[in-house]
N, C-alpha and C. Protein backbone atom coordinates (compact mmCIF):
# COMPACT_ATOMS: atom_id res chain seq x y z
N MET A 1 109.29 33.61 30.39
CA MET A 1 110.08 33.52 31.61
C MET A 1 109.51 32.42 32.50
N ALA A 2 110.38 31.64 33.12
CA ALA A 2 109.94 30.51 33.94
C ALA A 2 109.37 31.00 35.28
N ARG A 3 108.38 30.26 35.75
CA ARG A 3 107.79 30.58 37.04
C ARG A 3 108.69 30.03 38.14
N ILE A 4 108.92 30.85 39.15
CA ILE A 4 109.79 30.43 40.26
C ILE A 4 108.90 30.03 41.43
N LYS A 5 109.05 28.81 41.85
CA LYS A 5 108.28 28.32 43.00
C LYS A 5 109.13 28.44 44.27
N ALA A 6 108.48 28.49 45.40
CA ALA A 6 109.18 28.68 46.68
C ALA A 6 109.67 27.34 47.22
N GLY A 7 110.43 26.61 46.40
CA GLY A 7 110.88 25.27 46.76
C GLY A 7 111.75 25.22 47.99
N LYS A 8 112.75 26.08 48.03
CA LYS A 8 113.69 26.06 49.16
C LYS A 8 113.00 26.44 50.46
N GLU A 9 112.22 27.53 50.40
CA GLU A 9 111.56 28.02 51.60
C GLU A 9 110.55 27.01 52.14
N THR A 10 109.77 26.44 51.22
CA THR A 10 108.75 25.47 51.63
C THR A 10 109.40 24.24 52.24
N ARG A 11 110.45 23.75 51.59
CA ARG A 11 111.13 22.57 52.11
C ARG A 11 111.71 22.84 53.50
N ALA A 12 112.28 24.03 53.67
CA ALA A 12 112.87 24.39 54.96
C ALA A 12 111.79 24.44 56.05
N LYS A 13 110.63 25.03 55.71
CA LYS A 13 109.53 25.11 56.68
C LYS A 13 109.02 23.71 57.04
N HIS A 14 108.90 22.87 56.01
CA HIS A 14 108.43 21.50 56.25
C HIS A 14 109.41 20.73 57.13
N LYS A 15 110.71 20.90 56.86
CA LYS A 15 111.72 20.20 57.66
C LYS A 15 111.66 20.65 59.12
N LYS A 16 111.41 21.96 59.31
CA LYS A 16 111.33 22.51 60.66
C LYS A 16 110.14 21.91 61.42
N ILE A 17 108.99 21.82 60.75
CA ILE A 17 107.79 21.24 61.37
C ILE A 17 108.02 19.76 61.69
N LEU A 18 108.57 19.01 60.73
CA LEU A 18 108.78 17.58 60.93
C LEU A 18 109.83 17.31 62.00
N ALA A 19 110.79 18.20 62.14
CA ALA A 19 111.78 18.06 63.22
C ALA A 19 111.11 18.26 64.58
N ALA A 20 110.18 19.22 64.63
CA ALA A 20 109.46 19.47 65.88
C ALA A 20 108.51 18.33 66.22
N ALA A 21 108.07 17.59 65.18
CA ALA A 21 107.13 16.48 65.38
C ALA A 21 107.86 15.17 65.64
N LYS A 22 109.16 15.21 65.78
CA LYS A 22 109.93 13.99 66.02
C LYS A 22 109.49 13.38 67.35
N GLY A 23 109.24 12.10 67.34
CA GLY A 23 108.79 11.42 68.55
C GLY A 23 107.29 11.25 68.60
N PHE A 24 106.55 11.92 67.71
CA PHE A 24 105.11 11.73 67.65
C PHE A 24 104.82 10.36 67.03
N ARG A 25 103.61 9.85 67.23
CA ARG A 25 103.26 8.52 66.73
C ARG A 25 102.39 8.61 65.50
N GLY A 26 102.49 7.61 64.65
CA GLY A 26 101.64 7.50 63.46
C GLY A 26 101.99 8.53 62.40
N ARG A 27 100.97 8.96 61.66
CA ARG A 27 101.20 9.91 60.56
C ARG A 27 101.57 11.29 61.07
N ARG A 28 101.35 11.54 62.35
CA ARG A 28 101.65 12.85 62.91
C ARG A 28 103.12 13.21 62.82
N LYS A 29 103.98 12.21 62.65
CA LYS A 29 105.42 12.49 62.60
C LYS A 29 105.96 12.67 61.20
N ASN A 30 105.23 12.22 60.17
CA ASN A 30 105.83 12.28 58.83
C ASN A 30 104.92 12.80 57.72
N THR A 31 103.70 13.19 58.05
CA THR A 31 102.81 13.81 57.06
C THR A 31 102.70 15.27 57.44
N ILE A 32 103.05 16.16 56.51
CA ILE A 32 103.18 17.57 56.86
C ILE A 32 101.89 18.19 57.39
N ARG A 33 100.74 17.80 56.82
CA ARG A 33 99.48 18.42 57.26
C ARG A 33 99.14 18.02 58.69
N THR A 34 99.22 16.74 59.00
CA THR A 34 98.90 16.30 60.36
C THR A 34 99.99 16.71 61.34
N ALA A 35 101.23 16.72 60.88
CA ALA A 35 102.34 17.13 61.75
C ALA A 35 102.21 18.60 62.13
N THR A 36 101.79 19.43 61.18
CA THR A 36 101.62 20.85 61.46
C THR A 36 100.58 21.06 62.55
N ALA A 37 99.44 20.40 62.40
CA ALA A 37 98.38 20.53 63.40
C ALA A 37 98.85 20.03 64.76
N ALA A 38 99.56 18.91 64.76
CA ALA A 38 100.03 18.32 66.02
C ALA A 38 101.06 19.21 66.70
N VAL A 39 101.96 19.80 65.92
CA VAL A 39 103.00 20.68 66.49
C VAL A 39 102.37 21.94 67.06
N TRP A 40 101.40 22.52 66.36
CA TRP A 40 100.71 23.71 66.86
C TRP A 40 100.01 23.40 68.17
N ARG A 41 99.31 22.26 68.21
CA ARG A 41 98.58 21.89 69.42
C ARG A 41 99.54 21.63 70.57
N ALA A 42 100.66 20.98 70.27
CA ALA A 42 101.67 20.71 71.30
C ALA A 42 102.21 22.02 71.86
N GLY A 43 102.38 23.01 70.98
CA GLY A 43 102.86 24.32 71.43
C GLY A 43 101.86 25.00 72.34
N GLN A 44 100.58 24.85 72.04
CA GLN A 44 99.54 25.45 72.89
C GLN A 44 99.54 24.79 74.27
N TYR A 45 99.67 23.47 74.29
CA TYR A 45 99.71 22.76 75.56
C TYR A 45 100.95 23.17 76.36
N ALA A 46 102.07 23.30 75.68
CA ALA A 46 103.31 23.67 76.36
C ALA A 46 103.20 25.05 76.98
N TYR A 47 102.63 25.99 76.24
CA TYR A 47 102.45 27.36 76.74
C TYR A 47 101.54 27.36 77.96
N ARG A 48 100.41 26.66 77.84
CA ARG A 48 99.45 26.61 78.95
C ARG A 48 100.07 25.97 80.19
N ASP A 49 100.80 24.88 79.98
CA ASP A 49 101.31 24.12 81.12
C ASP A 49 102.53 24.76 81.78
N ARG A 50 103.20 25.67 81.07
CA ARG A 50 104.26 26.43 81.74
C ARG A 50 103.66 27.32 82.81
N LYS A 51 102.47 27.84 82.55
CA LYS A 51 101.77 28.66 83.55
C LYS A 51 101.24 27.77 84.69
N ALA A 52 100.66 26.63 84.32
CA ALA A 52 100.08 25.73 85.31
C ALA A 52 101.14 25.16 86.25
N LYS A 53 102.34 24.97 85.73
CA LYS A 53 103.45 24.43 86.53
C LYS A 53 103.75 25.35 87.71
N LYS A 54 103.73 26.65 87.46
CA LYS A 54 104.00 27.62 88.52
C LYS A 54 102.94 27.54 89.61
N ARG A 55 101.67 27.39 89.18
CA ARG A 55 100.58 27.28 90.16
C ARG A 55 100.70 26.02 90.99
N SER A 56 101.03 24.91 90.33
CA SER A 56 101.07 23.64 91.06
C SER A 56 102.25 23.59 92.03
N PHE A 57 103.38 24.22 91.67
CA PHE A 57 104.50 24.26 92.60
C PHE A 57 104.19 25.12 93.81
N ARG A 58 103.54 26.27 93.59
CA ARG A 58 103.17 27.12 94.72
C ARG A 58 102.24 26.36 95.67
N SER A 59 101.32 25.61 95.10
CA SER A 59 100.39 24.81 95.90
C SER A 59 101.15 23.76 96.72
N LEU A 60 102.14 23.14 96.11
CA LEU A 60 102.96 22.14 96.80
C LEU A 60 103.71 22.77 97.97
N TRP A 61 104.30 23.97 97.74
CA TRP A 61 105.04 24.65 98.80
C TRP A 61 104.13 24.98 99.97
N ILE A 62 102.90 25.42 99.66
CA ILE A 62 101.95 25.77 100.71
C ILE A 62 101.58 24.52 101.52
N GLN A 63 101.38 23.40 100.86
CA GLN A 63 101.06 22.15 101.56
C GLN A 63 102.21 21.73 102.48
N ARG A 64 103.43 21.86 102.00
CA ARG A 64 104.59 21.49 102.81
C ARG A 64 104.73 22.40 104.04
N ILE A 65 104.52 23.69 103.84
CA ILE A 65 104.61 24.63 104.96
C ILE A 65 103.52 24.32 105.98
N ASN A 66 102.32 24.07 105.50
CA ASN A 66 101.20 23.75 106.38
C ASN A 66 101.50 22.51 107.21
N ALA A 67 102.05 21.48 106.57
CA ALA A 67 102.39 20.25 107.29
C ALA A 67 103.50 20.51 108.30
N ALA A 68 104.41 21.43 107.99
CA ALA A 68 105.54 21.70 108.88
C ALA A 68 105.13 22.53 110.10
N VAL A 69 104.11 23.39 109.97
CA VAL A 69 103.71 24.23 111.11
C VAL A 69 102.68 23.56 112.01
N ARG A 70 102.05 22.48 111.56
CA ARG A 70 101.04 21.80 112.37
C ARG A 70 101.58 21.30 113.72
N PRO A 71 102.79 20.73 113.77
CA PRO A 71 103.29 20.30 115.09
C PRO A 71 103.47 21.45 116.09
N TYR A 72 103.56 22.68 115.60
CA TYR A 72 103.69 23.85 116.46
C TYR A 72 102.33 24.44 116.82
N GLU A 73 101.25 23.70 116.56
CA GLU A 73 99.88 24.11 116.84
C GLU A 73 99.51 25.40 116.13
N LEU A 74 99.88 25.48 114.88
CA LEU A 74 99.52 26.61 114.03
C LEU A 74 98.96 26.08 112.72
N THR A 75 98.19 26.91 112.06
CA THR A 75 97.77 26.59 110.70
C THR A 75 98.59 27.43 109.75
N TYR A 76 98.51 27.09 108.48
CA TYR A 76 99.27 27.82 107.47
C TYR A 76 98.90 29.30 107.46
N SER A 77 97.59 29.57 107.47
CA SER A 77 97.14 30.96 107.36
C SER A 77 97.55 31.79 108.58
N ARG A 78 97.47 31.19 109.77
CA ARG A 78 97.90 31.90 110.99
C ARG A 78 99.41 32.13 110.97
N PHE A 79 100.15 31.16 110.45
CA PHE A 79 101.61 31.28 110.34
C PHE A 79 101.98 32.43 109.40
N ILE A 80 101.35 32.50 108.26
CA ILE A 80 101.64 33.57 107.29
C ILE A 80 101.23 34.92 107.86
N ASP A 81 100.11 34.96 108.57
CA ASP A 81 99.67 36.19 109.23
C ASP A 81 100.69 36.64 110.26
N GLY A 82 101.20 35.68 111.04
CA GLY A 82 102.22 36.01 112.05
C GLY A 82 103.50 36.54 111.43
N LEU A 83 103.91 35.94 110.33
CA LEU A 83 105.12 36.41 109.64
C LEU A 83 104.94 37.83 109.11
N ALA A 84 103.75 38.10 108.58
CA ALA A 84 103.47 39.44 108.05
C ALA A 84 103.50 40.48 109.18
N LYS A 85 102.93 40.11 110.32
CA LYS A 85 102.93 41.03 111.47
C LYS A 85 104.33 41.21 112.05
N ALA A 86 105.16 40.17 111.95
CA ALA A 86 106.54 40.25 112.44
C ALA A 86 107.45 40.98 111.45
N GLY A 87 106.94 41.22 110.26
CA GLY A 87 107.73 41.93 109.25
C GLY A 87 108.74 41.04 108.53
N VAL A 88 108.49 39.74 108.53
CA VAL A 88 109.38 38.80 107.85
C VAL A 88 108.88 38.61 106.42
N GLU A 89 109.74 38.91 105.47
CA GLU A 89 109.39 38.74 104.06
C GLU A 89 110.22 37.62 103.47
N MET A 90 109.58 36.47 103.30
CA MET A 90 110.26 35.30 102.74
C MET A 90 109.27 34.58 101.84
N ASP A 91 109.72 34.17 100.68
CA ASP A 91 108.78 33.51 99.77
C ASP A 91 108.54 32.06 100.18
N ARG A 92 107.46 31.51 99.66
CA ARG A 92 107.02 30.18 100.08
C ARG A 92 107.98 29.08 99.63
N LYS A 93 108.65 29.30 98.53
CA LYS A 93 109.61 28.30 98.04
C LYS A 93 110.75 28.14 99.05
N VAL A 94 111.27 29.25 99.53
CA VAL A 94 112.37 29.21 100.49
C VAL A 94 111.91 28.63 101.82
N MET A 95 110.70 29.03 102.27
CA MET A 95 110.18 28.49 103.54
C MET A 95 109.98 26.98 103.46
N SER A 96 109.46 26.51 102.32
CA SER A 96 109.26 25.08 102.14
C SER A 96 110.58 24.33 102.20
N ASP A 97 111.58 24.86 101.53
CA ASP A 97 112.90 24.23 101.52
C ASP A 97 113.51 24.26 102.93
N LEU A 98 113.30 25.36 103.63
CA LEU A 98 113.82 25.49 105.00
C LEU A 98 113.17 24.47 105.93
N ALA A 99 111.86 24.25 105.76
CA ALA A 99 111.14 23.29 106.59
C ALA A 99 111.66 21.87 106.38
N ILE A 100 112.11 21.57 105.16
CA ILE A 100 112.58 20.22 104.87
C ILE A 100 114.04 20.03 105.27
N THR A 101 114.88 20.98 104.88
CA THR A 101 116.33 20.80 105.05
C THR A 101 116.85 21.27 106.40
N GLN A 102 116.25 22.34 106.96
CA GLN A 102 116.73 22.88 108.23
C GLN A 102 115.56 23.11 109.19
N PRO A 103 115.07 22.06 109.82
CA PRO A 103 113.89 22.19 110.69
C PRO A 103 114.11 23.14 111.87
N ASP A 104 115.34 23.24 112.37
CA ASP A 104 115.62 24.13 113.50
C ASP A 104 115.42 25.59 113.10
N ALA A 105 115.94 25.95 111.96
CA ALA A 105 115.79 27.32 111.46
C ALA A 105 114.32 27.63 111.19
N PHE A 106 113.60 26.65 110.66
CA PHE A 106 112.18 26.83 110.41
C PHE A 106 111.43 26.99 111.73
N GLY A 107 111.84 26.23 112.75
CA GLY A 107 111.24 26.35 114.08
C GLY A 107 111.40 27.75 114.65
N ALA A 108 112.57 28.34 114.43
CA ALA A 108 112.81 29.71 114.89
C ALA A 108 111.88 30.68 114.17
N LEU A 109 111.65 30.43 112.90
CA LEU A 109 110.73 31.26 112.11
C LEU A 109 109.31 31.14 112.65
N VAL A 110 108.92 29.91 113.02
CA VAL A 110 107.59 29.69 113.56
C VAL A 110 107.43 30.41 114.90
N GLU A 111 108.46 30.34 115.74
CA GLU A 111 108.39 31.03 117.04
C GLU A 111 108.27 32.54 116.87
N LYS A 112 108.96 33.07 115.88
CA LYS A 112 108.88 34.50 115.59
C LYS A 112 107.46 34.89 115.15
N ALA A 113 106.86 34.03 114.35
CA ALA A 113 105.49 34.26 113.89
C ALA A 113 104.50 34.17 115.05
N LYS A 114 104.73 33.18 115.94
CA LYS A 114 103.85 33.00 117.10
C LYS A 114 103.92 34.22 118.03
N ALA A 115 105.13 34.73 118.23
CA ALA A 115 105.32 35.89 119.11
C ALA A 115 104.60 37.12 118.56
N ALA A 116 104.58 37.25 117.25
CA ALA A 116 103.92 38.40 116.63
C ALA A 116 102.40 38.28 116.69
N LEU A 117 101.89 37.07 116.80
CA LEU A 117 100.45 36.85 116.85
C LEU A 117 99.85 37.20 118.19
N VAL A 118 100.64 37.14 119.24
CA VAL A 118 100.10 37.38 120.60
C VAL A 118 99.89 38.83 120.88
């Protein structure tokens, strides 16, 4: 009886790896062994950086809020403390957007925080 090799399955797996390696440079795009390693590593970086992206955006929002409250003679931490005491629950992404697009509404938020601090 003839030995059956996993030709179809192996070819399909190789095609999948090489498709994922499209755009890589050198042998990494067309040699299965190096492409496999490169695709795995790229996946690890992608996974890690999806988490890092969230951290860096939160940091950006905090910087924007801090810059927006400085003209009102407040710091970021005092502003957040005032909002907590006033019972205002708003995430930093929305506050950052509000500070950029609607400064008047953000000013009202700052005054509310200031009133709660006194």
